[in-house]
Amino acid sequence: MTNLRAITVADLAAILTNHKLWLAADPAGRRADLRGTDLRRAEMRGTDLRRADLRGVDLRGADLRGAILRGADLRGAILRGLDLSYVDLSGALGVAA
């Protein structure tokens, strides 16, 4: 995939923090919008990304063990080679059952 958006560890942490607030219905929160982001080798173990927008992200080599991606939009995401055995993908878009 070309033209992926680069992101710093600090920016990713801020997006995940805001998403957590959004999930808790905190008005200061914001839904995670990581569309088209290069998340290769990102450390996201146990992260709650319910209903996050992950369209077109590249997750090759990312650590998603124990992550919650329930209802997330993963259409066009690159998931090759990921161990998704302990990831909650129920209701996620773009993932074959």
PDB file of N, CA and C in Angstrom:
ATOM      1  N   MET A   1       0.849  -1.175   0.000  1.00  0.00           N
ATOM      2  CA  MET A   1       0.000   0.000   0.000  1.00  0.00           C
ATOM      3  C   MET A   1       0.892   1.234   0.000  1.00  0.00           C
ATOM      4  N   THR A   2       0.569   2.215  -0.777  1.00  0.00           N
ATOM      5  CA  THR A   2       1.374   3.422  -0.871  1.00  0.00           C
ATOM      6  C   THR A   2       0.712   4.566  -0.113  1.00  0.00           C
ATOM      7  N   ASN A   3       1.493   5.595   0.110  1.00  0.00           N
ATOM      8  CA  ASN A   3       0.990   6.809   0.758  1.00  0.00           C
ATOM      9  C   ASN A   3       0.415   6.570   2.146  1.00  0.00           C
ATOM     10  N   LEU A   4       1.035   5.692   2.905  1.00  0.00           N
ATOM     11  CA  LEU A   4       0.603   5.495   4.286  1.00  0.00           C
ATOM     12  C   LEU A   4       1.052   6.677   5.124  1.00  0.00           C
ATOM     13  N   ARG A   5       0.234   7.039   6.064  1.00  0.00           N
ATOM     14  CA  ARG A   5       0.542   8.143   6.965  1.00  0.00           C
ATOM     15  C   ARG A   5       1.448   7.641   8.085  1.00  0.00           C
ATOM     16  N   ALA A   6       2.569   8.310   8.268  1.00  0.00           N
ATOM     17  CA  ALA A   6       3.473   7.968   9.374  1.00  0.00           C
ATOM     18  C   ALA A   6       2.908   8.556  10.665  1.00  0.00           C
ATOM     19  N   ILE A   7       3.203   7.891  11.769  1.00  0.00           N
ATOM     20  CA  ILE A   7       2.714   8.368  13.064  1.00  0.00           C
ATOM     21  C   ILE A   7       3.788   8.099  14.115  1.00  0.00           C
ATOM     22  N   THR A   8       3.945   9.032  15.026  1.00  0.00           N
ATOM     23  CA  THR A   8       4.912   8.839  16.105  1.00  0.00           C
ATOM     24  C   THR A   8       4.277   8.023  17.228  1.00  0.00           C
ATOM     25  N   VAL A   9       5.109   7.462  18.055  1.00  0.00           N
ATOM     26  CA  VAL A   9       4.613   6.708  19.215  1.00  0.00           C
ATOM     27  C   VAL A   9       3.777   7.622  20.108  1.00  0.00           C
ATOM     28  N   ALA A  10       4.214   8.859  20.284  1.00  0.00           N
ATOM     29  CA  ALA A  10       3.485   9.810  21.129  1.00  0.00           C
ATOM     30  C   ALA A  10       2.116  10.141  20.530  1.00  0.00           C
ATOM     31  N   ASP A  11       2.059  10.337  19.214  1.00  0.00           N
ATOM     32  CA  ASP A  11       0.775  10.635  18.575  1.00  0.00           C
ATOM     33  C   ASP A  11      -0.177   9.448  18.673  1.00  0.00           C
ATOM     34  N   LEU A  12       0.356   8.237  18.487  1.00  0.00           N
ATOM     35  CA  LEU A  12      -0.476   7.049  18.616  1.00  0.00           C
ATOM     36  C   LEU A  12      -1.007   6.927  20.037  1.00  0.00           C
ATOM     37  N   ALA A  13      -0.167   7.180  21.021  1.00  0.00           N
ATOM     38  CA  ALA A  13      -0.601   7.111  22.422  1.00  0.00           C
ATOM     39  C   ALA A  13      -1.716   8.119  22.696  1.00  0.00           C
ATOM     40  N   ALA A  14      -1.602   9.325  22.139  1.00  0.00           N
ATOM     41  CA  ALA A  14      -2.626  10.351  22.329  1.00  0.00           C
ATOM     42  C   ALA A  14      -3.943   9.925  21.678  1.00  0.00           C
ATOM     43  N   ILE A  15      -3.867   9.356  20.479  1.00  0.00           N
ATOM     44  CA  ILE A  15      -5.080   8.896  19.797  1.00  0.00           C
ATOM     45  C   ILE A  15      -5.749   7.785  20.598  1.00  0.00           C
ATOM     46  N   LEU A  16      -4.964   6.855  21.131  1.00  0.00           N
ATOM     47  CA  LEU A  16      -5.517   5.757  21.912  1.00  0.00           C
ATOM     48  C   LEU A  16      -6.132   6.241  23.222  1.00  0.00           C
ATOM     49  N   THR A  17      -5.507   7.236  23.835  1.00  0.00           N
ATOM     50  CA  THR A  17      -6.059   7.816  25.062  1.00  0.00           C
ATOM     51  C   THR A  17      -7.395   8.499  24.780  1.00  0.00           C
ATOM     52  N   ASN A  18      -7.448   9.279  23.699  1.00  0.00           N
ATOM     53  CA  ASN A  18      -8.700   9.953  23.334  1.00  0.00           C
ATOM     54  C   ASN A  18      -9.785   8.956  22.970  1.00  0.00           C
ATOM     55  N   HIS A  19      -9.403   7.850  22.339  1.00  0.00           N
ATOM     56  CA  HIS A  19     -10.370   6.819  21.982  1.00  0.00           C
ATOM     57  C   HIS A  19     -10.943   6.168  23.245  1.00  0.00           C
ATOM     58  N   LYS A  20     -10.087   5.923  24.198  1.00  0.00           N
ATOM     59  CA  LYS A  20     -10.543   5.340  25.473  1.00  0.00           C
ATOM     60  C   LYS A  20     -11.565   6.251  26.147  1.00  0.00           C
ATOM     61  N   LEU A  21     -11.301   7.546  26.119  1.00  0.00           N
ATOM     62  CA  LEU A  21     -12.261   8.512  26.673  1.00  0.00           C
ATOM     63  C   LEU A  21     -13.573   8.485  25.886  1.00  0.00           C
ATOM     64  N   TRP A  22     -13.472   8.408  24.556  1.00  0.00           N
ATOM     65  CA  TRP A  22     -14.650   8.371  23.699  1.00  0.00           C
ATOM     66  C   TRP A  22     -15.500   7.145  24.013  1.00  0.00           C
ATOM     67  N   LEU A  23     -14.855   6.003  24.212  1.00  0.00           N
ATOM     68  CA  LEU A  23     -15.584   4.787  24.551  1.00  0.00           C
ATOM     69  C   LEU A  23     -16.318   4.917  25.885  1.00  0.00           C
ATOM     70  N   ALA A  24     -15.773   5.725  26.775  1.00  0.00           N
ATOM     71  CA  ALA A  24     -16.392   5.946  28.089  1.00  0.00           C
ATOM     72  C   ALA A  24     -17.414   7.080  28.044  1.00  0.00           C
ATOM     73  N   ALA A  25     -17.722   7.568  26.827  1.00  0.00           N
ATOM     74  CA  ALA A  25     -18.688   8.652  26.618  1.00  0.00           C
ATOM     75  C   ALA A  25     -18.236   9.964  27.250  1.00  0.00           C
ATOM     76  N   ASP A  26     -16.942  10.134  27.400  1.00  0.00           N
ATOM     77  CA  ASP A  26     -16.387  11.387  27.911  1.00  0.00           C
ATOM     78  C   ASP A  26     -16.375  12.394  26.757  1.00  0.00           C
ATOM     79  N   PRO A  27     -16.947  13.596  26.957  1.00  0.00           N
ATOM     80  CA  PRO A  27     -16.988  14.583  25.878  1.00  0.00           C
ATOM     81  C   PRO A  27     -15.603  15.010  25.387  1.00  0.00           C
ATOM     82  N   ALA A  28     -14.582  14.797  26.181  1.00  0.00           N
ATOM     83  CA  ALA A  28     -13.217  15.144  25.764  1.00  0.00           C
ATOM     84  C   ALA A  28     -12.623  14.102  24.830  1.00  0.00           C
ATOM     85  N   GLY A  29     -13.285  12.952  24.721  1.00  0.00           N
ATOM     86  CA  GLY A  29     -12.767  11.869  23.900  1.00  0.00           C
ATOM     87  C   GLY A  29     -13.084  12.032  22.427  1.00  0.00           C
ATOM     88  N   ARG A  30     -12.408  11.230  21.641  1.00  0.00           N
ATOM     89  CA  ARG A  30     -12.611  11.245  20.190  1.00  0.00           C
ATOM     90  C   ARG A  30     -12.346   9.849  19.648  1.00  0.00           C
ATOM     91  N   ARG A  31     -13.215   9.407  18.746  1.00  0.00           N
ATOM     92  CA  ARG A  31     -13.058   8.094  18.127  1.00  0.00           C
ATOM     93  C   ARG A  31     -11.720   8.031  17.384  1.00  0.00           C
ATOM     94  N   ALA A  32     -11.015   6.910  17.544  1.00  0.00           N
ATOM     95  CA  ALA A  32      -9.726   6.732  16.873  1.00  0.00           C
ATOM     96  C   ALA A  32      -9.928   6.674  15.361  1.00  0.00           C
ATOM     97  N   ASP A  33      -9.279   7.580  14.657  1.00  0.00           N
ATOM     98  CA  ASP A  33      -9.294   7.602  13.202  1.00  0.00           C
ATOM     99  C   ASP A  33      -7.854   7.390  12.746  1.00  0.00           C
ATOM    100  N   LEU A  34      -7.554   6.160  12.421  1.00  0.00           N
ATOM    101  CA  LEU A  34      -6.198   5.794  12.007  1.00  0.00           C
ATOM    102  C   LEU A  34      -6.169   5.372  10.546  1.00  0.00           C
ATOM    103  N   ARG A  35      -7.145   5.825   9.780  1.00  0.00           N
ATOM    104  CA  ARG A  35      -7.220   5.471   8.360  1.00  0.00           C
ATOM    105  C   ARG A  35      -5.891   5.705   7.657  1.00  0.00           C
ATOM    106  N   GLY A  36      -5.457   4.678   6.912  1.00  0.00           N
ATOM    107  CA  GLY A  36      -4.271   4.811   6.079  1.00  0.00           C
ATOM    108  C   GLY A  36      -2.976   5.040   6.833  1.00  0.00           C
ATOM    109  N   THR A  37      -2.905   4.606   8.075  1.00  0.00           N
ATOM    110  CA  THR A  37      -1.719   4.828   8.905  1.00  0.00           C
ATOM    111  C   THR A  37      -0.781   3.626   8.853  1.00  0.00           C
ATOM    112  N   ASP A  38       0.493   3.909   8.872  1.00  0.00           N
ATOM    113  CA  ASP A  38       1.511   2.870   8.932  1.00  0.00           C
ATOM    114  C   ASP A  38       1.703   2.476  10.391  1.00  0.00           C
ATOM    115  N   LEU A  39       1.141   1.336  10.761  1.00  0.00           N
ATOM    116  CA  LEU A  39       1.252   0.832  12.138  1.00  0.00           C
ATOM    117  C   LEU A  39       2.092  -0.440  12.188  1.00  0.00           C
ATOM    118  N   ARG A  40       2.953  -0.612  11.192  1.00  0.00           N
ATOM    119  CA  ARG A  40       3.825  -1.781  11.207  1.00  0.00           C
ATOM    120  C   ARG A  40       4.668  -1.775  12.474  1.00  0.00           C
ATOM    121  N   ARG A  41       4.711  -2.943  13.099  1.00  0.00           N
ATOM    122  CA  ARG A  41       5.492  -3.169  14.318  1.00  0.00           C
ATOM    123  C   ARG A  41       5.038  -2.315  15.512  1.00  0.00           C
ATOM    124  N   ALA A  42       3.831  -1.764  15.460  1.00  0.00           N
ATOM    125  CA  ALA A  42       3.324  -0.963  16.587  1.00  0.00           C
ATOM    126  C   ALA A  42       3.017  -1.864  17.777  1.00  0.00           C
ATOM    127  N   GLU A  43       3.280  -1.379  18.964  1.00  0.00           N
ATOM    128  CA  GLU A  43       3.005  -2.096  20.205  1.00  0.00           C
ATOM    129  C   GLU A  43       1.611  -1.681  20.674  1.00  0.00           C
ATOM    130  N   MET A  44       0.629  -2.564  20.455  1.00  0.00           N
ATOM    131  CA  MET A  44      -0.749  -2.260  20.845  1.00  0.00           C
ATOM    132  C   MET A  44      -1.371  -3.436  21.590  1.00  0.00           C
ATOM    133  N   ARG A  45      -0.557  -4.122  22.339  1.00  0.00           N
ATOM    134  CA  ARG A  45      -1.021  -5.271  23.108  1.00  0.00           C
ATOM    135  C   ARG A  45      -2.107  -4.838  24.100  1.00  0.00           C
ATOM    136  N   GLY A  46      -3.250  -5.535  24.055  1.00  0.00           N
ATOM    137  CA  GLY A  46      -4.341  -5.279  24.992  1.00  0.00           C
ATOM    138  C   GLY A  46      -5.112  -3.994  24.752  1.00  0.00           C
ATOM    139  N   THR A  47      -4.872  -3.327  23.649  1.00  0.00           N
ATOM    140  CA  THR A  47      -5.524  -2.050  23.365  1.00  0.00           C
ATOM    141  C   THR A  47      -6.991  -2.252  23.017  1.00  0.00           C
ATOM    142  N   ASP A  48      -7.839  -1.363  23.529  1.00  0.00           N
ATOM    143  CA  ASP A  48      -9.267  -1.398  23.226  1.00  0.00           C
ATOM    144  C   ASP A  48      -9.528  -0.470  22.048  1.00  0.00           C
ATOM    145  N   LEU A  49      -9.709  -1.055  20.879  1.00  0.00           N
ATOM    146  CA  LEU A  49      -9.971  -0.284  19.663  1.00  0.00           C
ATOM    147  C   LEU A  49     -11.375  -0.561  19.133  1.00  0.00           C
ATOM    148  N   ARG A  50     -12.305  -0.802  20.042  1.00  0.00           N
ATOM    149  CA  ARG A  50     -13.690  -1.002  19.606  1.00  0.00           C
ATOM    150  C   ARG A  50     -14.150   0.180  18.759  1.00  0.00           C
ATOM    151  N   ARG A  51     -14.766  -0.158  17.628  1.00  0.00           N
ATOM    152  CA  ARG A  51     -15.374   0.815  16.704  1.00  0.00           C
ATOM    153  C   ARG A  51     -14.385   1.832  16.142  1.00  0.00           C
ATOM    154  N   ALA A  52     -13.093   1.556  16.200  1.00  0.00           N
ATOM    155  CA  ALA A  52     -12.083   2.461  15.633  1.00  0.00           C
ATOM    156  C   ALA A  52     -12.098   2.383  14.107  1.00  0.00           C
ATOM    157  N   ASP A  53     -11.686   3.460  13.475  1.00  0.00           N
ATOM    158  CA  ASP A  53     -11.584   3.491  12.019  1.00  0.00           C
ATOM    159  C   ASP A  53     -10.156   3.116  11.641  1.00  0.00           C
ATOM    160  N   LEU A  54      -9.988   1.889  11.177  1.00  0.00           N
ATOM    161  CA  LEU A  54      -8.673   1.356  10.831  1.00  0.00           C
ATOM    162  C   LEU A  54      -8.608   0.981   9.348  1.00  0.00           C
ATOM    163  N   ARG A  55      -9.418   1.648   8.539  1.00  0.00           N
ATOM    164  CA  ARG A  55      -9.422   1.345   7.103  1.00  0.00           C
ATOM    165  C   ARG A  55      -8.056   1.626   6.491  1.00  0.00           C
ATOM    166  N   GLY A  56      -7.560   0.636   5.768  1.00  0.00           N
ATOM    167  CA  GLY A  56      -6.322   0.805   5.018  1.00  0.00           C
ATOM    168  C   GLY A  56      -5.047   0.861   5.836  1.00  0.00           C
ATOM    169  N   VAL A  57      -5.097   0.546   7.131  1.00  0.00           N
ATOM    170  CA  VAL A  57      -3.873   0.577   7.937  1.00  0.00           C
ATOM    171  C   VAL A  57      -2.986  -0.618   7.595  1.00  0.00           C
ATOM    172  N   ASP A  58      -1.708  -0.460   7.814  1.00  0.00           N
ATOM    173  CA  ASP A  58      -0.758  -1.555   7.637  1.00  0.00           C
ATOM    174  C   ASP A  58      -0.340  -2.018   9.024  1.00  0.00           C
ATOM    175  N   LEU A  59      -0.783  -3.207   9.403  1.00  0.00           N
ATOM    176  CA  LEU A  59      -0.530  -3.739  10.740  1.00  0.00           C
ATOM    177  C   LEU A  59       0.491  -4.873  10.745  1.00  0.00           C
ATOM    178  N   ARG A  60       1.229  -5.045   9.654  1.00  0.00           N
ATOM    179  CA  ARG A  60       2.209  -6.132   9.610  1.00  0.00           C
ATOM    180  C   ARG A  60       3.224  -5.979  10.747  1.00  0.00           C
ATOM    181  N   GLY A  61       3.384  -7.058  11.490  1.00  0.00           N
ATOM    182  CA  GLY A  61       4.353  -7.073  12.575  1.00  0.00           C
ATOM    183  C   GLY A  61       3.906  -6.359  13.842  1.00  0.00           C
ATOM    184  N   ALA A  62       2.689  -5.814  13.851  1.00  0.00           N
ATOM    185  CA  ALA A  62       2.188  -5.144  15.059  1.00  0.00           C
ATOM    186  C   ALA A  62       1.872  -6.182  16.133  1.00  0.00           C
ATOM    187  N   ASP A  63       1.995  -5.785  17.391  1.00  0.00           N
ATOM    188  CA  ASP A  63       1.651  -6.662  18.505  1.00  0.00           C
ATOM    189  C   ASP A  63       0.256  -6.300  18.980  1.00  0.00           C
ATOM    190  N   LEU A  64      -0.716  -7.130  18.598  1.00  0.00           N
ATOM    191  CA  LEU A  64      -2.120  -6.896  18.954  1.00  0.00           C
ATOM    192  C   LEU A  64      -2.641  -7.949  19.924  1.00  0.00           C
ATOM    193  N   ARG A  65      -1.744  -8.695  20.550  1.00  0.00           N
ATOM    194  CA  ARG A  65      -2.206  -9.748  21.459  1.00  0.00           C
ATOM    195  C   ARG A  65      -3.151  -9.177  22.512  1.00  0.00           C
ATOM    196  N   GLY A  66      -4.333  -9.787  22.609  1.00  0.00           N
ATOM    197  CA  GLY A  66      -5.321  -9.374  23.596  1.00  0.00           C
ATOM    198  C   GLY A  66      -6.060  -8.096  23.254  1.00  0.00           C
ATOM    199  N   ALA A  67      -5.859  -7.567  22.061  1.00  0.00           N
ATOM    200  CA  ALA A  67      -6.536  -6.322  21.664  1.00  0.00           C
ATOM    201  C   ALA A  67      -8.022  -6.583  21.416  1.00  0.00           C
ATOM    202  N   ILE A  68      -8.806  -5.546  21.579  1.00  0.00           N
ATOM    203  CA  ILE A  68     -10.248  -5.616  21.325  1.00  0.00           C
ATOM    204  C   ILE A  68     -10.535  -4.763  20.099  1.00  0.00           C
ATOM    205  N   LEU A  69     -10.883  -5.432  19.005  1.00  0.00           N
ATOM    206  CA  LEU A  69     -11.191  -4.741  17.750  1.00  0.00           C
ATOM    207  C   LEU A  69     -12.664  -4.938  17.381  1.00  0.00           C
ATOM    208  N   ARG A  70     -13.475  -5.195  18.375  1.00  0.00           N
ATOM    209  CA  ARG A  70     -14.901  -5.439  18.158  1.00  0.00           C
ATOM    210  C   ARG A  70     -15.535  -4.232  17.469  1.00  0.00           C
ATOM    211  N   GLY A  71     -16.153  -4.488  16.318  1.00  0.00           N
ATOM    212  CA  GLY A  71     -16.843  -3.425  15.594  1.00  0.00           C
ATOM    213  C   GLY A  71     -15.932  -2.444  14.875  1.00  0.00           C
ATOM    214  N   ALA A  72     -14.636  -2.695  14.876  1.00  0.00           N
ATOM    215  CA  ALA A  72     -13.698  -1.788  14.190  1.00  0.00           C
ATOM    216  C   ALA A  72     -13.841  -1.946  12.678  1.00  0.00           C
ATOM    217  N   ASP A  73     -13.526  -0.897  11.955  1.00  0.00           N
ATOM    218  CA  ASP A  73     -13.576  -0.935  10.492  1.00  0.00           C
ATOM    219  C   ASP A  73     -12.170  -1.213   9.978  1.00  0.00           C
ATOM    220  N   LEU A  74     -11.955  -2.433   9.517  1.00  0.00           N
ATOM    221  CA  LEU A  74     -10.648  -2.880   9.034  1.00  0.00           C
ATOM    222  C   LEU A  74     -10.640  -3.103   7.518  1.00  0.00           C
ATOM    223  N   ARG A  75     -11.600  -2.522   6.821  1.00  0.00           N
ATOM    224  CA  ARG A  75     -11.641  -2.710   5.374  1.00  0.00           C
ATOM    225  C   ARG A  75     -10.362  -2.174   4.739  1.00  0.00           C
ATOM    226  N   GLY A  76      -9.740  -3.021   3.932  1.00  0.00           N
ATOM    227  CA  GLY A  76      -8.518  -2.645   3.235  1.00  0.00           C
ATOM    228  C   GLY A  76      -7.265  -2.685   4.093  1.00  0.00           C
ATOM    229  N   ALA A  77      -7.391  -3.089   5.353  1.00  0.00           N
ATOM    230  CA  ALA A  77      -6.225  -3.159   6.241  1.00  0.00           C
ATOM    231  C   ALA A  77      -5.327  -4.331   5.848  1.00  0.00           C
ATOM    232  N   ILE A  78      -4.042  -4.169   6.049  1.00  0.00           N
ATOM    233  CA  ILE A  78      -3.080  -5.238   5.772  1.00  0.00           C
ATOM    234  C   ILE A  78      -2.826  -5.977   7.084  1.00  0.00           C
ATOM    235  N   LEU A  79      -3.303  -7.214   7.124  1.00  0.00           N
ATOM    236  CA  LEU A  79      -3.220  -8.025   8.341  1.00  0.00           C
ATOM    237  C   LEU A  79      -2.338  -9.251   8.151  1.00  0.00           C
ATOM    238  N   ARG A  80      -1.683  -9.354   7.017  1.00  0.00           N
ATOM    239  CA  ARG A  80      -0.860 -10.535   6.716  1.00  0.00           C
ATOM    240  C   ARG A  80       0.157 -10.816   7.815  1.00  0.00           C
ATOM    241  N   GLY A  81       0.210 -12.087   8.197  1.00  0.00           N
ATOM    242  CA  GLY A  81       1.217 -12.528   9.141  1.00  0.00           C
ATOM    243  C   GLY A  81       0.929 -12.204  10.593  1.00  0.00           C
ATOM    244  N   LEU A  82      -0.230 -11.628  10.886  1.00  0.00           N
ATOM    245  CA  LEU A  82      -0.545 -11.307  12.283  1.00  0.00           C
ATOM    246  C   LEU A  82      -1.099 -12.526  12.998  1.00  0.00           C
ATOM    247  N   ASP A  83      -0.749 -12.675  14.260  1.00  0.00           N
ATOM    248  CA  ASP A  83      -1.352 -13.690  15.101  1.00  0.00           C
ATOM    249  C   ASP A  83      -2.574 -13.044  15.740  1.00  0.00           C
ATOM    250  N   LEU A  84      -3.748 -13.389  15.241  1.00  0.00           N
ATOM    251  CA  LEU A  84      -4.992 -12.800  15.734  1.00  0.00           C
ATOM    252  C   LEU A  84      -5.756 -13.763  16.639  1.00  0.00           C
ATOM    253  N   SER A  85      -5.078 -14.789  17.148  1.00  0.00           N
ATOM    254  CA  SER A  85      -5.776 -15.816  17.921  1.00  0.00           C
ATOM    255  C   SER A  85      -6.360 -15.304  19.236  1.00  0.00           C
ATOM    256  N   TYR A  86      -5.830 -14.259  19.805  1.00  0.00           N
ATOM    257  CA  TYR A  86      -6.371 -13.732  21.062  1.00  0.00           C
ATOM    258  C   TYR A  86      -6.925 -12.322  20.901  1.00  0.00           C
ATOM    259  N   VAL A  87      -7.292 -11.979  19.672  1.00  0.00           N
ATOM    260  CA  VAL A  87      -7.846 -10.664  19.370  1.00  0.00           C
ATOM    261  C   VAL A  87      -9.343 -10.804  19.173  1.00  0.00           C
ATOM    262  N   ASP A  88     -10.110  -9.928  19.806  1.00  0.00           N
ATOM    263  CA  ASP A  88     -11.562  -9.931  19.658  1.00  0.00           C
ATOM    264  C   ASP A  88     -11.919  -9.148  18.399  1.00  0.00           C
ATOM    265  N   LEU A  89     -12.330  -9.882  17.357  1.00  0.00           N
ATOM    266  CA  LEU A  89     -12.690  -9.269  16.073  1.00  0.00           C
ATOM    267  C   LEU A  89     -14.190  -9.350  15.805  1.00  0.00           C
ATOM    268  N   SER A  90     -14.980  -9.669  16.827  1.00  0.00           N
ATOM    269  CA  SER A  90     -16.412  -9.825  16.611  1.00  0.00           C
ATOM    270  C   SER A  90     -17.017  -8.527  16.070  1.00  0.00           C
ATOM    271  N   GLY A  91     -17.758  -8.659  14.996  1.00  0.00           N
ATOM    272  CA  GLY A  91     -18.431  -7.522  14.387  1.00  0.00           C
ATOM    273  C   GLY A  91     -17.518  -6.584  13.622  1.00  0.00           C
ATOM    274  N   ALA A  92     -16.242  -6.908  13.505  1.00  0.00           N
ATOM    275  CA  ALA A  92     -15.319  -6.031  12.765  1.00  0.00           C
ATOM    276  C   ALA A  92     -15.613  -6.105  11.274  1.00  0.00           C
ATOM    277  N   LEU A  93     -15.539  -4.993  10.604  1.00  0.00           N
ATOM    278  CA  LEU A  93     -15.770  -4.933   9.158  1.00  0.00           C
ATOM    279  C   LEU A  93     -14.485  -5.237   8.417  1.00  0.00           C
ATOM    280  N   GLY A  94     -14.571  -5.986   7.333  1.00  0.00           N
ATOM    281  CA  GLY A  94     -13.429  -6.244   6.496  1.00  0.00           C
ATOM    282  C   GLY A  94     -12.587  -7.423   6.908  1.00  0.00           C
ATOM    283  N   VAL A  95     -13.077  -8.226   7.842  1.00  0.00           N
ATOM    284  CA  VAL A  95     -12.332  -9.397   8.308  1.00  0.00           C
ATOM    285  C   VAL A  95     -13.176 -10.629   8.037  1.00  0.00           C
ATOM    286  N   ALA A  96     -12.616 -11.572   7.290  1.00  0.00           N
ATOM    287  CA  ALA A  96     -13.339 -12.803   6.996  1.00  0.00           C
ATOM    288  C   ALA A  96     -13.478 -13.651   8.251  1.00  0.00           C
ATOM    289  N   ALA A  97     -14.645 -14.224   8.417  1.00  0.00           N
ATOM    290  CA  ALA A  97     -14.907 -15.054   9.602  1.00  0.00           C
ATOM    291  C   ALA A  97     -14.214 -16.382   9.512  1.00  0.00           C
TER     292      ALA A  97
END
